[in-house]
Every structure is written in structure tokens, then in C-alpha cells.
Protein backbone atom coordinates (compact mmCIF):
# COMPACT_ATOMS: atom_id res chain seq x y z
CA UNK A 1 131.25 41.16 172.36
CA UNK A 2 132.44 44.17 174.35
CA UNK A 3 130.79 47.48 173.65
CA UNK A 4 132.46 50.81 174.28
CA UNK A 5 130.87 53.98 175.55
CA UNK A 6 130.97 56.82 173.05
CA UNK A 7 132.05 60.30 174.12
CA UNK A 8 132.44 63.48 172.10
CA UNK A 9 135.44 65.76 172.52
CA UNK A 10 134.95 69.43 171.61
CA UNK A 11 138.02 71.50 170.80
CA UNK A 12 138.60 74.90 169.27
CA UNK A 13 141.49 75.93 167.00
CA UNK A 14 142.28 79.60 166.41
CA UNK A 15 145.17 80.37 164.07
CA UNK A 16 146.69 83.63 165.28
CA UNK A 17 148.65 86.22 163.34
CA UNK A 18 152.03 84.80 162.44
CA UNK A 19 150.59 81.29 162.13
CA UNK A 20 150.69 80.36 165.83
CA UNK A 21 147.90 77.96 166.77
CA UNK A 22 145.81 78.28 169.91
CA UNK A 23 143.99 75.03 170.69
CA UNK A 24 141.47 74.83 173.53
CA UNK A 25 139.81 71.71 174.85
CA UNK A 26 136.23 72.78 175.52
CA UNK A 27 134.88 69.59 177.08
CA UNK A 28 133.89 65.95 176.74
CA UNK A 29 130.20 65.18 176.28
CA UNK A 30 128.06 62.06 176.41
CA UNK A 31 126.15 62.83 173.20
CA UNK A 32 126.84 64.59 169.92
CA UNK A 33 123.86 66.84 170.63
CA UNK A 34 125.33 67.98 173.98
CA UNK A 35 128.64 68.68 172.22
CA UNK A 36 126.87 70.75 169.56
CA UNK A 37 125.03 72.72 172.26
CA UNK A 38 128.40 73.58 173.83
CA UNK A 39 129.64 74.83 170.47
CA UNK A 40 126.54 76.98 170.02
CA UNK A 41 126.93 78.43 173.54
CA UNK A 42 130.52 79.48 172.85
CA UNK A 43 130.45 80.40 169.15
CA UNK A 44 129.56 84.07 169.80
CA UNK A 45 131.71 84.56 172.90
CA UNK A 46 134.82 86.82 172.78
CA UNK A 47 137.74 85.11 171.08
CA UNK A 48 135.64 82.24 169.74
CA UNK A 49 133.61 84.61 167.56
CA UNK A 50 136.85 85.59 165.81
CA UNK A 51 137.21 81.98 164.63
CA UNK A 52 133.65 80.56 164.69
CA UNK A 53 134.58 77.73 162.30
CA UNK A 54 137.44 76.57 164.53
CA UNK A 55 135.31 74.13 166.55
CA UNK A 56 135.61 70.37 166.05
CA UNK A 57 133.58 67.55 167.57
CA UNK A 58 135.48 64.24 167.70
CA UNK A 59 134.07 60.84 168.57
CA UNK A 60 136.08 58.68 170.98
CA UNK A 61 135.34 55.42 172.79
CA UNK A 62 136.11 54.94 176.47
CA UNK A 63 138.55 52.17 177.40
CA UNK A 64 139.90 51.91 173.86
CA UNK A 65 143.23 53.16 172.53
CA UNK A 66 142.84 55.81 169.87
CA UNK A 67 146.49 55.59 168.90
CA UNK A 68 147.66 52.02 168.41
CA UNK A 69 151.12 52.41 166.89
CA UNK A 70 154.33 54.28 167.57
CA UNK A 71 155.15 57.57 165.94
CA UNK A 72 158.00 59.47 164.42
CA UNK A 73 158.65 63.18 164.69
CA UNK A 74 158.65 65.50 161.70
CA UNK A 75 162.43 65.71 162.03
CA UNK A 76 162.90 61.94 161.71
CA UNK A 77 160.02 61.54 159.27
CA UNK A 78 161.61 63.81 156.71
CA UNK A 79 159.32 66.04 154.72
CA UNK A 80 156.65 63.43 154.08
CA UNK A 81 153.21 64.73 155.16
CA UNK A 82 151.27 62.65 157.64
CA UNK A 83 154.40 61.13 159.16
CA UNK A 84 152.82 61.14 162.62
CA UNK A 85 149.50 59.65 161.53
CA UNK A 86 148.81 56.21 163.00
CA UNK A 87 146.97 55.16 159.87
CA UNK A 88 148.90 57.33 157.41
CA UNK A 89 145.50 57.86 155.78
CA UNK A 90 144.76 60.67 153.40
CA UNK A 91 142.64 62.53 155.94
CA UNK A 92 145.09 62.28 158.85
CA UNK A 93 142.39 61.32 161.35
CA UNK A 94 143.38 59.23 164.33
CA UNK A 95 142.20 55.66 164.53
CA UNK A 96 139.03 55.29 166.54
CA UNK A 97 137.87 58.86 166.00
CA UNK A 98 135.43 60.56 163.77
CA UNK A 99 136.30 64.21 163.18
CA UNK A 100 133.88 66.82 162.05
CA UNK A 101 133.87 70.56 162.04
CA UNK A 102 131.11 71.86 164.24
């Protein structure tokens, strides 16, 4: 049985005036604890402190596809929500990831 190495991706989303989204990849960490420490280091910094709840910590596995199917764009998917989701699950998470707000 092949085992995969876990890594934790930290990103930050800040929704700006007018609805524009600013997404920043903060880093990739070997443990959830290291990822949480990165969040705590940045949470009070300029910009981040304006959206302190915008951090997410996502679990990924090395050498494993997180997206295993094709996709359709919103234009070709019609108005159905979740049209780009690989699992079309209710939560919209990608396969192979575990999302949590930091």
C-alpha cells in the first residue's frame, strides 16, 4: 500500500470593495501546526488584519491528483452552482483536500 506525504496549503482571501477577490498563497507546510503558526504570524499584519478570517488551511497529498475529472466553465455549465466542482458535492471542496478556515 502506497502512502502519501501530507502537506498543508495556507491561503488568504480578502474580498475588496466592489466584490473583487484578492487571493494570496501564503505557503505550503509539513504540519498543520506549522501552517497555523504562519496564520498567527500574519493575522495582525497590514492588509491581513483587515480580513483576519480570510485564512484557510487545506490538506493535500504529494504525488496524488487533487482534481481527477474534467471541468466545465460557468458559461457552459449554465447557472447551476458547483458546475466546476470535481465531486459536485454540497460543500464544493476538491477531492483529496480537507478545507478549514484558520
